[in-house]
Amino acid sequence: MQIPVIPSGKKFSLPRSVGSADALLLARFAQTQSAQKKLTAIVTAEPADTQRLEGELAFFAPELRVAVFPDWETLPYDTFSPHQDLISERLATLWRLLQHGNQNEVDVVLMPASTALVRLAPPSFLAGYTFNFRQKEKLNEAALKSQLTLAGYTHVTQVVSPGEYAVRGGLIDLFPMGSLVPYRVDLFGDEVDSIRTFDPDSQRSLYPVPEVRLLPGREFPMDEAARSAFRARWRERMEGDPTKTRLYKDIGAGIATAGIEYYLPLFFDSTATIFDYLGANATLAL
């Protein structure tokens, strides 16, 4: 059995499949959609179903490029932030979705229903805060450090996790959000002499790469304009004296307090949903 071609704006229903039959049906359908350069978005009832389908789709259709848009795995207004690896994977998936029309970087995106309901930064934020550089390009070290800090990266002595960077003389180690490996940039004066990946455990350089793409370090901006807008919207929407609220004061001081992610709408004039990233031609499977 196969899922038929579904016209735009229409829907097709099937009874719940047994075992891994749903993964087989979805894999065959996604293959058909991929051949037409269309994206398939699969929304699952539980995060566990997302993980299951990721593995089963790879078994039934290994040629499909599958991306997962994971949950933050925190409760609303928790006093701690999601793990950096989760933020990194979320940003990477959003970037791949934005590039789908030009480069077709992903065929299937998986996400839990609870994740699909959360408000996101608008696509313009991701496009505006992403930058890259290549080997043999001119690169100002001070400007790069300033740009990394503005993008939400943390300066450390040794890079081990996404969203970190370190500077040692003419060497810049950085772990871009959305990347599986960190990079070591060797500068010769103000020119990028070489770019190599390295092992975050042993810190040994591995293989060369031609360029590095740097996504934002967070899902929201932390520049002066964004922080001022956050504080203004806080005063408009929240009751009480804001100066007695730690989160409000921390944002004014440029500190991203743990749990700030759930206040993301206060950073933007308008937010987006995952469907703004999927585009009008995506097929949605529930």
C-alpha atoms as a PDB file:
ATOM      1  CA  MET A   1       0.000   0.000   0.000  1.00  0.00           C
ATOM      2  CA  GLN A   2       1.148   3.534  -0.786  1.00  0.00           C
ATOM      3  CA  ILE A   3      -0.091   6.987   0.120  1.00  0.00           C
ATOM      4  CA  PRO A   4      -1.513   8.559  -3.058  1.00  0.00           C
ATOM      5  CA  VAL A   5      -0.482  11.902  -4.487  1.00  0.00           C
ATOM      6  CA  ILE A   6      -2.306  14.540  -2.437  1.00  0.00           C
ATOM      7  CA  PRO A   7      -3.343  17.739  -4.254  1.00  0.00           C
ATOM      8  CA  SER A   8      -2.371  21.032  -2.657  1.00  0.00           C
ATOM      9  CA  GLY A   9      -4.819  22.080   0.043  1.00  0.00           C
ATOM     10  CA  LYS A  10      -6.346  18.591   0.341  1.00  0.00           C
ATOM     11  CA  LYS A  11      -5.944  15.896   2.991  1.00  0.00           C
ATOM     12  CA  PHE A  12      -5.877  12.106   3.061  1.00  0.00           C
ATOM     13  CA  SER A  13      -6.537   9.909   6.103  1.00  0.00           C
ATOM     14  CA  LEU A  14      -5.495   6.369   6.982  1.00  0.00           C
ATOM     15  CA  PRO A  15      -6.186   4.220  10.056  1.00  0.00           C
ATOM     16  CA  ARG A  16      -3.276   3.947  12.480  1.00  0.00           C
ATOM     17  CA  SER A  17      -0.643   1.524  11.213  1.00  0.00           C
ATOM     18  CA  VAL A  18       0.767  -1.403  13.174  1.00  0.00           C
ATOM     19  CA  GLY A  19       4.394  -1.489  14.314  1.00  0.00           C
ATOM     20  CA  SER A  20       6.782   0.093  11.815  1.00  0.00           C
ATOM     21  CA  ALA A  21       4.276   0.113   8.969  1.00  0.00           C
ATOM     22  CA  ASP A  22       3.782   3.858   9.402  1.00  0.00           C
ATOM     23  CA  ALA A  23       7.500   4.449   8.851  1.00  0.00           C
ATOM     24  CA  LEU A  24       7.441   2.339   5.671  1.00  0.00           C
ATOM     25  CA  LEU A  25       4.431   4.226   4.295  1.00  0.00           C
ATOM     26  CA  LEU A  26       5.944   7.598   5.146  1.00  0.00           C
ATOM     27  CA  ALA A  27       9.314   6.615   3.670  1.00  0.00           C
ATOM     28  CA  ARG A  28       7.713   5.669   0.344  1.00  0.00           C
ATOM     29  CA  PHE A  29       5.639   8.837   0.327  1.00  0.00           C
ATOM     30  CA  ALA A  30       8.662  11.010   1.164  1.00  0.00           C
ATOM     31  CA  GLN A  31      10.616   9.391  -1.675  1.00  0.00           C
ATOM     32  CA  THR A  32       7.856  10.411  -4.087  1.00  0.00           C
ATOM     33  CA  GLN A  33       7.816  13.943  -2.687  1.00  0.00           C
ATOM     34  CA  SER A  34      11.602  14.201  -2.800  1.00  0.00           C
ATOM     35  CA  ALA A  35      11.614  13.256  -6.484  1.00  0.00           C
ATOM     36  CA  GLN A  36       9.401  16.308  -7.036  1.00  0.00           C
ATOM     37  CA  LYS A  37      11.727  18.436  -4.848  1.00  0.00           C
ATOM     38  CA  LYS A  38       9.020  18.801  -2.204  1.00  0.00           C
ATOM     39  CA  LEU A  39       9.473  18.705   1.555  1.00  0.00           C
ATOM     40  CA  THR A  40       7.646  16.270   3.838  1.00  0.00           C
ATOM     41  CA  ALA A  41       7.003  17.455   7.410  1.00  0.00           C
ATOM     42  CA  ILE A  42       6.006  14.755   9.901  1.00  0.00           C
ATOM     43  CA  VAL A  43       4.473  15.823  13.227  1.00  0.00           C
ATOM     44  CA  THR A  44       4.394  13.093  15.868  1.00  0.00           C
ATOM     45  CA  ALA A  45       2.281  12.757  18.997  1.00  0.00           C
ATOM     46  CA  GLU A  46       5.277  12.232  21.302  1.00  0.00           C
ATOM     47  CA  PRO A  47       9.026  13.004  21.188  1.00  0.00           C
ATOM     48  CA  ALA A  48       9.682   9.248  21.421  1.00  0.00           C
ATOM     49  CA  ASP A  49       7.838   8.745  18.116  1.00  0.00           C
ATOM     50  CA  THR A  50      10.114  11.315  16.495  1.00  0.00           C
ATOM     51  CA  GLN A  51      13.201   9.379  17.578  1.00  0.00           C
ATOM     52  CA  ARG A  52      11.663   6.090  16.431  1.00  0.00           C
ATOM     53  CA  LEU A  53      10.749   7.408  12.990  1.00  0.00           C
ATOM     54  CA  GLU A  54      14.192   8.946  12.533  1.00  0.00           C
ATOM     55  CA  GLY A  55      15.787   5.519  12.865  1.00  0.00           C
ATOM     56  CA  GLU A  56      13.142   3.642  10.877  1.00  0.00           C
ATOM     57  CA  LEU A  57      13.099   6.099   7.969  1.00  0.00           C
ATOM     58  CA  ALA A  58      16.868   5.698   7.694  1.00  0.00           C
ATOM     59  CA  PHE A  59      16.329   1.929   7.453  1.00  0.00           C
ATOM     60  CA  PHE A  60      13.544   1.986   4.837  1.00  0.00           C
ATOM     61  CA  ALA A  61      14.913   4.889   2.754  1.00  0.00           C
ATOM     62  CA  PRO A  62      18.567   5.618   3.583  1.00  0.00           C
ATOM     63  CA  GLU A  63      18.853   8.098   0.704  1.00  0.00           C
ATOM     64  CA  LEU A  64      16.372  10.499   2.330  1.00  0.00           C
ATOM     65  CA  ARG A  65      17.909  13.488   4.098  1.00  0.00           C
ATOM     66  CA  VAL A  66      16.070  13.572   7.417  1.00  0.00           C
ATOM     67  CA  ALA A  67      16.252  16.467   9.884  1.00  0.00           C
ATOM     68  CA  VAL A  68      14.817  16.537  13.391  1.00  0.00           C
ATOM     69  CA  PHE A  69      13.447  19.673  15.018  1.00  0.00           C
ATOM     70  CA  PRO A  70      13.773  18.646  18.673  1.00  0.00           C
ATOM     71  CA  ASP A  71      11.910  19.852  21.715  1.00  0.00           C
ATOM     72  CA  TRP A  72      13.630  22.102  24.260  1.00  0.00           C
ATOM     73  CA  GLU A  73      13.024  19.324  26.816  1.00  0.00           C
ATOM     74  CA  THR A  74      12.274  21.866  29.527  1.00  0.00           C
ATOM     75  CA  LEU A  75       9.008  22.948  31.108  1.00  0.00           C
ATOM     76  CA  PRO A  76       7.600  26.440  30.475  1.00  0.00           C
ATOM     77  CA  TYR A  77       9.363  29.051  32.601  1.00  0.00           C
ATOM     78  CA  ASP A  78      11.854  26.599  34.062  1.00  0.00           C
ATOM     79  CA  THR A  79      14.820  28.304  35.701  1.00  0.00           C
ATOM     80  CA  PHE A  80      17.311  26.531  33.447  1.00  0.00           C
ATOM     81  CA  SER A  81      17.881  26.648  29.707  1.00  0.00           C
ATOM     82  CA  PRO A  82      17.757  23.832  27.144  1.00  0.00           C
ATOM     83  CA  HIS A  83      21.004  21.976  26.492  1.00  0.00           C
ATOM     84  CA  GLN A  84      23.269  23.643  23.935  1.00  0.00           C
ATOM     85  CA  ASP A  85      23.234  20.529  21.745  1.00  0.00           C
ATOM     86  CA  LEU A  86      19.449  20.817  21.411  1.00  0.00           C
ATOM     87  CA  ILE A  87      19.637  24.518  20.541  1.00  0.00           C
ATOM     88  CA  SER A  88      22.351  23.694  18.007  1.00  0.00           C
ATOM     89  CA  GLU A  89      20.224  21.003  16.344  1.00  0.00           C
ATOM     90  CA  ARG A  90      17.156  23.259  16.271  1.00  0.00           C
ATOM     91  CA  LEU A  91      19.066  26.111  14.618  1.00  0.00           C
ATOM     92  CA  ALA A  92      20.644  23.733  12.099  1.00  0.00           C
ATOM     93  CA  THR A  93      17.230  22.360  11.127  1.00  0.00           C
ATOM     94  CA  LEU A  94      15.715  25.830  10.743  1.00  0.00           C
ATOM     95  CA  TRP A  95      18.642  26.873   8.541  1.00  0.00           C
ATOM     96  CA  ARG A  96      18.273  23.765   6.369  1.00  0.00           C
ATOM     97  CA  LEU A  97      14.568  24.504   5.961  1.00  0.00           C
ATOM     98  CA  LEU A  98      15.330  28.063   4.865  1.00  0.00           C
ATOM     99  CA  GLN A  99      17.766  26.710   2.260  1.00  0.00           C
ATOM    100  CA  HIS A 100      15.357  24.052   0.961  1.00  0.00           C
ATOM    101  CA  GLY A 101      14.123  26.121  -1.966  1.00  0.00           C
ATOM    102  CA  ASN A 102      17.651  26.867  -3.189  1.00  0.00           C
ATOM    103  CA  GLN A 103      19.766  23.864  -2.241  1.00  0.00           C
ATOM    104  CA  ASN A 104      17.259  21.143  -1.245  1.00  0.00           C
ATOM    105  CA  GLU A 105      19.233  20.333   1.905  1.00  0.00           C
ATOM    106  CA  VAL A 106      16.477  18.273   3.533  1.00  0.00           C
ATOM    107  CA  ASP A 107      13.734  15.902   2.333  1.00  0.00           C
ATOM    108  CA  VAL A 108      11.962  15.118   5.616  1.00  0.00           C
ATOM    109  CA  VAL A 109      11.670  17.062   8.858  1.00  0.00           C
ATOM    110  CA  LEU A 110      10.421  15.355  12.028  1.00  0.00           C
ATOM    111  CA  MET A 111       9.057  17.105  15.105  1.00  0.00           C
ATOM    112  CA  PRO A 112       6.804  16.425  18.110  1.00  0.00           C
ATOM    113  CA  ALA A 113       3.432  18.191  18.134  1.00  0.00           C
ATOM    114  CA  SER A 114       4.355  20.128  21.289  1.00  0.00           C
ATOM    115  CA  THR A 115       7.426  21.528  19.525  1.00  0.00           C
ATOM    116  CA  ALA A 116       5.442  22.576  16.458  1.00  0.00           C
ATOM    117  CA  LEU A 117       3.272  24.832  18.651  1.00  0.00           C
ATOM    118  CA  VAL A 118       6.118  26.940  20.092  1.00  0.00           C
ATOM    119  CA  ARG A 119       6.676  30.434  18.705  1.00  0.00           C
ATOM    120  CA  LEU A 120      10.006  30.934  16.933  1.00  0.00           C
ATOM    121  CA  ALA A 121      12.254  33.752  15.836  1.00  0.00           C
ATOM    122  CA  PRO A 122      11.302  35.071  12.378  1.00  0.00           C
ATOM    123  CA  PRO A 123      13.331  33.756   9.424  1.00  0.00           C
ATOM    124  CA  SER A 124      14.858  37.222   8.996  1.00  0.00           C
ATOM    125  CA  PHE A 125      16.662  36.803  12.337  1.00  0.00           C
ATOM    126  CA  LEU A 126      18.386  33.597  11.237  1.00  0.00           C
ATOM    127  CA  ALA A 127      19.312  35.088   7.873  1.00  0.00           C
ATOM    128  CA  GLY A 128      20.617  38.308   9.414  1.00  0.00           C
ATOM    129  CA  TYR A 129      22.744  36.738  12.160  1.00  0.00           C
ATOM    130  CA  THR A 130      24.352  33.970  10.073  1.00  0.00           C
ATOM    131  CA  PHE A 131      27.723  34.599   8.463  1.00  0.00           C
ATOM    132  CA  ASN A 132      30.574  32.593   6.974  1.00  0.00           C
ATOM    133  CA  PHE A 133      34.171  32.955   5.878  1.00  0.00           C
ATOM    134  CA  ARG A 134      36.522  30.998   3.611  1.00  0.00           C
ATOM    135  CA  GLN A 135      40.158  30.111   3.383  1.00  0.00           C
ATOM    136  CA  LYS A 136      42.381  32.918   2.015  1.00  0.00           C
ATOM    137  CA  GLU A 137      39.760  35.558   2.806  1.00  0.00           C
ATOM    138  CA  LYS A 138      40.635  38.667   4.785  1.00  0.00           C
ATOM    139  CA  LEU A 139      39.476  38.365   8.392  1.00  0.00           C
ATOM    140  CA  ASN A 140      39.824  40.926  11.149  1.00  0.00           C
ATOM    141  CA  GLU A 141      40.330  39.070  14.426  1.00  0.00           C
ATOM    142  CA  ALA A 142      38.878  41.826  16.620  1.00  0.00           C
ATOM    143  CA  ALA A 143      35.839  42.181  14.345  1.00  0.00           C
ATOM    144  CA  LEU A 144      35.298  38.408  14.371  1.00  0.00           C
ATOM    145  CA  LYS A 145      35.421  38.271  18.182  1.00  0.00           C
ATOM    146  CA  SER A 146      32.927  41.120  18.362  1.00  0.00           C
ATOM    147  CA  GLN A 147      30.656  39.408  15.835  1.00  0.00           C
ATOM    148  CA  LEU A 148      30.827  36.088  17.688  1.00  0.00           C
ATOM    149  CA  THR A 149      29.925  37.751  20.973  1.00  0.00           C
ATOM    150  CA  LEU A 150      27.069  39.630  19.305  1.00  0.00           C
ATOM    151  CA  ALA A 151      25.792  36.350  17.819  1.00  0.00           C
ATOM    152  CA  GLY A 152      25.651  34.803  21.295  1.00  0.00           C
ATOM    153  CA  TYR A 153      28.856  32.743  21.348  1.00  0.00           C
ATOM    154  CA  THR A 154      30.718  32.287  24.634  1.00  0.00           C
ATOM    155  CA  HIS A 155      34.435  32.999  25.000  1.00  0.00           C
ATOM    156  CA  VAL A 156      36.159  30.088  26.785  1.00  0.00           C
ATOM    157  CA  THR A 157      39.686  28.803  27.335  1.00  0.00           C
ATOM    158  CA  GLN A 158      38.998  25.449  25.622  1.00  0.00           C
ATOM    159  CA  VAL A 159      36.247  24.753  23.099  1.00  0.00           C
ATOM    160  CA  VAL A 160      34.223  21.600  23.778  1.00  0.00           C
ATOM    161  CA  SER A 161      30.547  22.456  23.067  1.00  0.00           C
ATOM    162  CA  PRO A 162      28.505  24.222  20.365  1.00  0.00           C
ATOM    163  CA  GLY A 163      28.337  27.983  20.808  1.00  0.00           C
ATOM    164  CA  GLU A 164      31.880  28.398  22.187  1.00  0.00           C
ATOM    165  CA  TYR A 165      35.046  30.021  20.849  1.00  0.00           C
ATOM    166  CA  ALA A 166      38.616  30.528  22.055  1.00  0.00           C
ATOM    167  CA  VAL A 167      41.474  32.707  20.813  1.00  0.00           C
ATOM    168  CA  ARG A 168      45.140  31.771  21.254  1.00  0.00           C
ATOM    169  CA  GLY A 169      47.453  34.046  19.330  1.00  0.00           C
ATOM    170  CA  GLY A 170      46.780  33.537  15.623  1.00  0.00           C
ATOM    171  CA  LEU A 171      44.574  30.491  16.243  1.00  0.00           C
ATOM    172  CA  ILE A 172      40.813  30.759  16.690  1.00  0.00           C
ATOM    173  CA  ASP A 173      38.910  27.675  17.833  1.00  0.00           C
ATOM    174  CA  LEU A 174      35.159  27.808  17.398  1.00  0.00           C
ATOM    175  CA  PHE A 175      32.256  25.380  17.568  1.00  0.00           C
ATOM    176  CA  PRO A 176      29.481  26.717  15.316  1.00  0.00           C
ATOM    177  CA  MET A 177      25.881  26.069  16.278  1.00  0.00           C
ATOM    178  CA  GLY A 178      24.432  23.415  14.001  1.00  0.00           C
ATOM    179  CA  SER A 179      27.831  21.863  13.318  1.00  0.00           C
ATOM    180  CA  LEU A 180      28.827  18.335  14.313  1.00  0.00           C
ATOM    181  CA  VAL A 181      32.485  19.284  14.750  1.00  0.00           C
ATOM    182  CA  PRO A 182      34.455  22.356  15.899  1.00  0.00           C
ATOM    183  CA  TYR A 183      36.897  24.233  13.662  1.00  0.00           C
ATOM    184  CA  ARG A 184      40.374  25.674  14.113  1.00  0.00           C
ATOM    185  CA  VAL A 185      41.093  28.808  12.094  1.00  0.00           C
ATOM    186  CA  ASP A 186      44.761  29.670  11.557  1.00  0.00           C
ATOM    187  CA  LEU A 187      45.339  33.327  10.725  1.00  0.00           C
ATOM    188  CA  PHE A 188      48.370  34.677   8.898  1.00  0.00           C
ATOM    189  CA  GLY A 189      48.174  38.380   9.610  1.00  0.00           C
ATOM    190  CA  ASP A 190      44.631  39.349   8.625  1.00  0.00           C
ATOM    191  CA  GLU A 191      44.163  36.437   6.207  1.00  0.00           C
ATOM    192  CA  VAL A 192      42.639  33.003   6.847  1.00  0.00           C
ATOM    193  CA  ASP A 193      45.599  30.704   6.203  1.00  0.00           C
ATOM    194  CA  SER A 194      43.809  27.405   6.930  1.00  0.00           C
ATOM    195  CA  ILE A 195      40.631  25.971   8.432  1.00  0.00           C
ATOM    196  CA  ARG A 196      40.673  22.507   9.987  1.00  0.00           C
ATOM    197  CA  THR A 197      38.298  20.489  12.098  1.00  0.00           C
ATOM    198  CA  PHE A 198      39.552  19.228  15.452  1.00  0.00           C
ATOM    199  CA  ASP A 199      38.626  16.706  18.119  1.00  0.00           C
ATOM    200  CA  PRO A 200      37.105  18.531  21.140  1.00  0.00           C
ATOM    201  CA  ASP A 201      38.329  15.766  23.483  1.00  0.00           C
ATOM    202  CA  SER A 202      41.973  15.498  22.403  1.00  0.00           C
ATOM    203  CA  GLN A 203      42.097  19.017  20.844  1.00  0.00           C
ATOM    204  CA  ARG A 204      44.061  17.529  17.919  1.00  0.00           C
ATOM    205  CA  SER A 205      43.499  18.960  14.433  1.00  0.00           C
ATOM    206  CA  LEU A 206      41.875  16.596  11.930  1.00  0.00           C
ATOM    207  CA  TYR A 207      41.098  17.427   8.290  1.00  0.00           C
ATOM    208  CA  PRO A 208      40.961  20.703   6.318  1.00  0.00           C
ATOM    209  CA  VAL A 209      37.734  22.349   5.137  1.00  0.00           C
ATOM    210  CA  PRO A 210      37.292  25.249   2.688  1.00  0.00           C
ATOM    211  CA  GLU A 211      34.850  27.371   4.711  1.00  0.00           C
ATOM    212  CA  VAL A 212      32.918  27.759   7.960  1.00  0.00           C
ATOM    213  CA  ARG A 213      29.278  28.780   8.402  1.00  0.00           C
ATOM    214  CA  LEU A 214      28.328  30.348  11.731  1.00  0.00           C
ATOM    215  CA  LEU A 215      24.704  30.279  12.836  1.00  0.00           C
ATOM    216  CA  PRO A 216      23.540  32.447  15.759  1.00  0.00           C
ATOM    217  CA  GLY A 217      24.514  31.195  19.197  1.00  0.00           C
ATOM    218  CA  ARG A 218      20.937  31.512  20.471  1.00  0.00           C
ATOM    219  CA  GLU A 219      17.389  31.551  19.111  1.00  0.00           C
ATOM    220  CA  PHE A 220      17.078  35.248  19.954  1.00  0.00           C
ATOM    221  CA  PRO A 221      19.306  38.344  19.599  1.00  0.00           C
ATOM    222  CA  MET A 222      21.190  39.930  22.485  1.00  0.00           C
ATOM    223  CA  ASP A 223      22.414  43.161  20.918  1.00  0.00           C
ATOM    224  CA  GLU A 224      21.602  46.531  22.472  1.00  0.00           C
ATOM    225  CA  ALA A 225      18.569  47.176  20.268  1.00  0.00           C
ATOM    226  CA  ALA A 226      17.041  43.756  21.010  1.00  0.00           C
ATOM    227  CA  ARG A 227      17.603  44.108  24.759  1.00  0.00           C
ATOM    228  CA  SER A 228      16.045  47.577  24.786  1.00  0.00           C
ATOM    229  CA  ALA A 229      13.027  46.259  22.872  1.00  0.00           C
ATOM    230  CA  PHE A 230      12.744  43.340  25.322  1.00  0.00           C
ATOM    231  CA  ARG A 231      12.678  45.686  28.313  1.00  0.00           C
ATOM    232  CA  ALA A 232      10.138  47.999  26.657  1.00  0.00           C
ATOM    233  CA  ARG A 233       7.776  45.119  25.873  1.00  0.00           C
ATOM    234  CA  TRP A 234       8.241  43.746  29.390  1.00  0.00           C
ATOM    235  CA  ARG A 235       7.081  47.067  30.863  1.00  0.00           C
ATOM    236  CA  GLU A 236       4.081  47.102  28.510  1.00  0.00           C
ATOM    237  CA  ARG A 237       2.908  43.548  29.202  1.00  0.00           C
ATOM    238  CA  MET A 238       4.030  42.651  32.721  1.00  0.00           C
ATOM    239  CA  GLU A 239       2.572  44.011  35.937  1.00  0.00           C
ATOM    240  CA  GLY A 240       4.622  45.228  38.884  1.00  0.00           C
ATOM    241  CA  ASP A 241       7.962  46.955  39.250  1.00  0.00           C
ATOM    242  CA  PRO A 242      10.338  45.500  36.611  1.00  0.00           C
ATOM    243  CA  THR A 243      13.419  46.657  38.523  1.00  0.00           C
ATOM    244  CA  LYS A 244      12.607  44.042  41.169  1.00  0.00           C
ATOM    245  CA  THR A 245      12.709  41.230  38.603  1.00  0.00           C
ATOM    246  CA  ARG A 246      16.051  39.497  38.172  1.00  0.00           C
ATOM    247  CA  LEU A 247      15.415  38.498  34.559  1.00  0.00           C
ATOM    248  CA  TYR A 248      14.597  42.082  33.560  1.00  0.00           C
ATOM    249  CA  LYS A 249      17.736  43.411  35.236  1.00  0.00           C
ATOM    250  CA  ASP A 250      19.937  40.678  33.744  1.00  0.00           C
ATOM    251  CA  ILE A 251      18.773  41.466  30.209  1.00  0.00           C
ATOM    252  CA  GLY A 252      19.629  45.115  30.804  1.00  0.00           C
ATOM    253  CA  ALA A 253      23.137  44.030  31.816  1.00  0.00           C
ATOM    254  CA  GLY A 254      23.503  41.813  28.735  1.00  0.00           C
ATOM    255  CA  ILE A 255      23.119  38.529  30.638  1.00  0.00           C
ATOM    256  CA  ALA A 256      21.024  35.757  29.078  1.00  0.00           C
ATOM    257  CA  THR A 257      19.430  34.367  32.238  1.00  0.00           C
ATOM    258  CA  ALA A 258      18.726  30.635  32.385  1.00  0.00           C
ATOM    259  CA  GLY A 259      15.195  30.012  31.135  1.00  0.00           C
ATOM    260  CA  ILE A 260      15.073  33.162  28.990  1.00  0.00           C
ATOM    261  CA  GLU A 261      14.015  31.086  25.953  1.00  0.00           C
ATOM    262  CA  TYR A 262      10.360  31.115  27.013  1.00  0.00           C
ATOM    263  CA  TYR A 263      10.351  34.921  26.849  1.00  0.00           C
ATOM    264  CA  LEU A 264      11.477  34.850  23.195  1.00  0.00           C
ATOM    265  CA  PRO A 265       8.428  36.814  21.859  1.00  0.00           C
ATOM    266  CA  LEU A 266       9.569  39.867  23.844  1.00  0.00           C
ATOM    267  CA  PHE A 267      12.680  40.140  21.641  1.00  0.00           C
ATOM    268  CA  PHE A 268      10.766  40.564  18.362  1.00  0.00           C
ATOM    269  CA  ASP A 269       8.071  42.767  16.861  1.00  0.00           C
ATOM    270  CA  SER A 270       6.488  39.582  15.517  1.00  0.00           C
ATOM    271  CA  THR A 271       7.361  35.912  15.856  1.00  0.00           C
ATOM    272  CA  ALA A 272       7.016  32.964  13.499  1.00  0.00           C
ATOM    273  CA  THR A 273       6.003  29.322  13.644  1.00  0.00           C
ATOM    274  CA  ILE A 274       7.657  26.261  12.183  1.00  0.00           C
ATOM    275  CA  PHE A 275       5.183  26.492   9.291  1.00  0.00           C
ATOM    276  CA  ASP A 276       6.747  29.796   8.201  1.00  0.00           C
ATOM    277  CA  TYR A 277       9.986  27.863   7.721  1.00  0.00           C
ATOM    278  CA  LEU A 278       8.377  24.876   5.992  1.00  0.00           C
ATOM    279  CA  GLY A 279       6.940  26.927   3.144  1.00  0.00           C
ATOM    280  CA  ALA A 280       3.722  26.589   1.176  1.00  0.00           C
ATOM    281  CA  ASN A 281       4.792  23.526  -0.835  1.00  0.00           C
ATOM    282  CA  ALA A 282       5.520  21.266   2.138  1.00  0.00           C
ATOM    283  CA  THR A 283       3.289  18.254   2.765  1.00  0.00           C
ATOM    284  CA  LEU A 284       2.259  17.798   6.385  1.00  0.00           C
ATOM    285  CA  ALA A 285       1.800  14.323   7.898  1.00  0.00           C
ATOM    286  CA  LEU A 286       0.250  13.974  11.355  1.00  0.00           C
END
